[in-house]
């Protein structure tokens, strides 16, 4: 049960069962590449190979892991086409699309301040 003093609970970690929003989002985005992957997918649906070429500094296994985490978090949808060779596409879910304005603000802030 939330006590109304969620900021204090969040900061102190006193009540693990009712995690605050910041802890939840930090768990989802606790990966080096997740934000830039989401930023890339906000433009359009992309195939795994496209993302792999777009971020050559990410290993295939790391990219796969990051995409799976984002899929488990409800931000990314993975669609597999039963073809030879198999085609896999990634796109933002409705939740992921709702997150785009925050990404835009983060991008604008970083351009202005960093």
C-alpha atoms as a PDB file:
ATOM      1  CA  UNK A   1       0.000   0.000   0.000  1.00  0.00           C
ATOM      2  CA  UNK A   2       1.311   3.421  -0.934  1.00  0.00           C
ATOM      3  CA  UNK A   3       1.526   5.847   1.942  1.00  0.00           C
ATOM      4  CA  UNK A   4       1.386   9.149   0.092  1.00  0.00           C
ATOM      5  CA  UNK A   5       5.039   9.715   0.897  1.00  0.00           C
ATOM      6  CA  UNK A   6       6.257   7.705  -2.120  1.00  0.00           C
ATOM      7  CA  UNK A   7       9.298   9.880  -2.734  1.00  0.00           C
ATOM      8  CA  UNK A   8      10.634   9.115   0.730  1.00  0.00           C
ATOM      9  CA  UNK A   9       9.880   5.402   0.330  1.00  0.00           C
ATOM     10  CA  UNK A  10      11.561   5.385  -3.052  1.00  0.00           C
ATOM     11  CA  UNK A  11      14.645   7.099  -1.734  1.00  0.00           C
ATOM     12  CA  UNK A  12      14.938   4.984   1.405  1.00  0.00           C
ATOM     13  CA  UNK A  13      14.016   1.648  -0.171  1.00  0.00           C
ATOM     14  CA  UNK A  14      11.930   0.940   2.933  1.00  0.00           C
ATOM     15  CA  UNK A  15       9.119  -0.834   1.117  1.00  0.00           C
ATOM     16  CA  UNK A  16      10.259  -3.143  -1.678  1.00  0.00           C
ATOM     17  CA  UNK A  17       6.813  -4.491  -2.609  1.00  0.00           C
ATOM     18  CA  UNK A  18       5.576  -1.088  -3.726  1.00  0.00           C
ATOM     19  CA  UNK A  19       8.499   0.073  -5.804  1.00  0.00           C
ATOM     20  CA  UNK A  20       8.419   3.633  -6.985  1.00  0.00           C
ATOM     21  CA  UNK A  21       8.253   4.518 -10.664  1.00  0.00           C
ATOM     22  CA  UNK A  22      11.909   5.526 -10.847  1.00  0.00           C
ATOM     23  CA  UNK A  23      13.066   2.131  -9.600  1.00  0.00           C
ATOM     24  CA  UNK A  24      10.815   0.335 -12.064  1.00  0.00           C
ATOM     25  CA  UNK A  25      12.005   2.369 -15.036  1.00  0.00           C
ATOM     26  CA  UNK A  26      15.636   2.030 -13.955  1.00  0.00           C
ATOM     27  CA  UNK A  27      15.267  -1.766 -13.981  1.00  0.00           C
ATOM     28  CA  UNK A  28      13.858  -1.684 -17.498  1.00  0.00           C
ATOM     29  CA  UNK A  29      16.534   0.686 -18.815  1.00  0.00           C
ATOM     30  CA  UNK A  30      19.505  -0.761 -16.934  1.00  0.00           C
ATOM     31  CA  UNK A  31      21.305  -1.467 -20.171  1.00  0.00           C
ATOM     32  CA  UNK A  32      23.892   0.553 -22.009  1.00  0.00           C
ATOM     33  CA  UNK A  33      22.049   0.558 -25.344  1.00  0.00           C
ATOM     34  CA  UNK A  34      18.341   0.480 -24.563  1.00  0.00           C
ATOM     35  CA  UNK A  35      17.708   4.213 -24.866  1.00  0.00           C
ATOM     36  CA  UNK A  36      19.445   4.487 -28.249  1.00  0.00           C
ATOM     37  CA  UNK A  37      17.646   1.374 -29.505  1.00  0.00           C
ATOM     38  CA  UNK A  38      14.305   2.928 -28.575  1.00  0.00           C
ATOM     39  CA  UNK A  39      15.378   6.201 -30.179  1.00  0.00           C
ATOM     40  CA  UNK A  40      16.192   4.342 -33.381  1.00  0.00           C
ATOM     41  CA  UNK A  41      12.914   2.412 -33.378  1.00  0.00           C
ATOM     42  CA  UNK A  42      10.862   5.569 -32.885  1.00  0.00           C
ATOM     43  CA  UNK A  43      11.635   6.411 -36.519  1.00  0.00           C
ATOM     44  CA  UNK A  44      10.208   3.174 -37.958  1.00  0.00           C
ATOM     45  CA  UNK A  45      10.089  -0.611 -37.686  1.00  0.00           C
ATOM     46  CA  UNK A  46      13.514  -2.148 -38.256  1.00  0.00           C
ATOM     47  CA  UNK A  47      14.933  -5.575 -38.891  1.00  0.00           C
ATOM     48  CA  UNK A  48      17.546  -7.040 -36.584  1.00  0.00           C
ATOM     49  CA  UNK A  49      20.234  -6.659 -39.243  1.00  0.00           C
ATOM     50  CA  UNK A  50      19.439  -2.966 -39.670  1.00  0.00           C
ATOM     51  CA  UNK A  51      19.830  -2.363 -35.948  1.00  0.00           C
ATOM     52  CA  UNK A  52      23.016  -4.411 -35.923  1.00  0.00           C
ATOM     53  CA  UNK A  53      24.496  -2.285 -38.737  1.00  0.00           C
ATOM     54  CA  UNK A  54      23.272   0.955 -37.136  1.00  0.00           C
ATOM     55  CA  UNK A  55      25.138   0.151 -33.918  1.00  0.00           C
ATOM     56  CA  UNK A  56      28.328  -1.674 -34.963  1.00  0.00           C
ATOM     57  CA  UNK A  57      29.824  -1.250 -31.490  1.00  0.00           C
ATOM     58  CA  UNK A  58      27.138  -3.540 -30.004  1.00  0.00           C
ATOM     59  CA  UNK A  59      27.756  -7.258 -30.266  1.00  0.00           C
ATOM     60  CA  UNK A  60      24.926  -9.354 -31.715  1.00  0.00           C
ATOM     61  CA  UNK A  61      24.414 -11.098 -28.380  1.00  0.00           C
ATOM     62  CA  UNK A  62      24.256  -7.781 -26.484  1.00  0.00           C
ATOM     63  CA  UNK A  63      21.790  -6.366 -29.023  1.00  0.00           C
ATOM     64  CA  UNK A  64      19.639  -9.481 -28.727  1.00  0.00           C
ATOM     65  CA  UNK A  65      19.700  -9.259 -24.923  1.00  0.00           C
ATOM     66  CA  UNK A  66      18.786  -5.558 -24.934  1.00  0.00           C
ATOM     67  CA  UNK A  67      15.917  -6.134 -27.387  1.00  0.00           C
ATOM     68  CA  UNK A  68      14.600  -9.040 -25.313  1.00  0.00           C
ATOM     69  CA  UNK A  69      14.673  -6.904 -22.171  1.00  0.00           C
ATOM     70  CA  UNK A  70      12.796  -4.104 -23.946  1.00  0.00           C
ATOM     71  CA  UNK A  71      10.293  -6.644 -25.250  1.00  0.00           C
ATOM     72  CA  UNK A  72       9.806  -8.081 -21.739  1.00  0.00           C
ATOM     73  CA  UNK A  73       9.340  -4.532 -20.429  1.00  0.00           C
ATOM     74  CA  UNK A  74       6.567  -3.934 -22.938  1.00  0.00           C
ATOM     75  CA  UNK A  75       8.363  -1.259 -24.968  1.00  0.00           C
ATOM     76  CA  UNK A  76       9.290  -3.268 -28.076  1.00  0.00           C
ATOM     77  CA  UNK A  77       7.372  -5.757 -30.203  1.00  0.00           C
ATOM     78  CA  UNK A  78       9.214  -8.564 -31.976  1.00  0.00           C
ATOM     79  CA  UNK A  79       7.596  -9.988 -35.077  1.00  0.00           C
ATOM     80  CA  UNK A  80       8.947 -13.140 -36.697  1.00  0.00           C
ATOM     81  CA  UNK A  81       8.044 -13.906 -40.300  1.00  0.00           C
ATOM     82  CA  UNK A  82       8.073 -17.604 -41.167  1.00  0.00           C
ATOM     83  CA  UNK A  83      10.260 -17.311 -44.248  1.00  0.00           C
ATOM     84  CA  UNK A  84      13.537 -18.741 -45.432  1.00  0.00           C
ATOM     85  CA  UNK A  85      15.701 -17.117 -44.268  1.00  0.00           C
ATOM     86  CA  UNK A  86      13.624 -16.008 -41.241  1.00  0.00           C
ATOM     87  CA  UNK A  87      12.887 -12.310 -41.027  1.00  0.00           C
ATOM     88  CA  UNK A  88      12.550 -10.610 -37.627  1.00  0.00           C
ATOM     89  CA  UNK A  89      11.303  -7.048 -37.222  1.00  0.00           C
ATOM     90  CA  UNK A  90      11.232  -4.830 -34.164  1.00  0.00           C
ATOM     91  CA  UNK A  91       8.888  -1.933 -33.534  1.00  0.00           C
ATOM     92  CA  UNK A  92       7.643   0.112 -30.623  1.00  0.00           C
ATOM     93  CA  UNK A  93       4.543  -1.002 -28.765  1.00  0.00           C
ATOM     94  CA  UNK A  94       1.901   1.508 -27.677  1.00  0.00           C
ATOM     95  CA  UNK A  95       3.836   1.853 -24.404  1.00  0.00           C
ATOM     96  CA  UNK A  96       7.047   2.449 -26.326  1.00  0.00           C
ATOM     97  CA  UNK A  97       5.356   5.106 -28.453  1.00  0.00           C
ATOM     98  CA  UNK A  98       4.109   6.867 -25.318  1.00  0.00           C
ATOM     99  CA  UNK A  99       7.740   7.000 -24.157  1.00  0.00           C
ATOM    100  CA  UNK A 100       8.928   8.824 -27.316  1.00  0.00           C
ATOM    101  CA  UNK A 101       8.070  12.356 -26.045  1.00  0.00           C
ATOM    102  CA  UNK A 102      10.299  11.690 -23.037  1.00  0.00           C
ATOM    103  CA  UNK A 103      13.091  10.534 -25.334  1.00  0.00           C
ATOM    104  CA  UNK A 104      12.661  13.714 -27.378  1.00  0.00           C
ATOM    105  CA  UNK A 105      12.956  15.812 -24.223  1.00  0.00           C
ATOM    106  CA  UNK A 106      16.040  13.873 -23.090  1.00  0.00           C
ATOM    107  CA  UNK A 107      17.593  14.384 -26.511  1.00  0.00           C
ATOM    108  CA  UNK A 108      16.841  18.108 -26.502  1.00  0.00           C
ATOM    109  CA  UNK A 109      18.207  18.489 -22.967  1.00  0.00           C
ATOM    110  CA  UNK A 110      21.421  16.638 -23.843  1.00  0.00           C
ATOM    111  CA  UNK A 111      21.983  18.759 -26.963  1.00  0.00           C
ATOM    112  CA  UNK A 112      21.516  21.904 -24.895  1.00  0.00           C
ATOM    113  CA  UNK A 113      23.466  20.886 -21.795  1.00  0.00           C
ATOM    114  CA  UNK A 114      26.096  18.306 -22.691  1.00  0.00           C
END
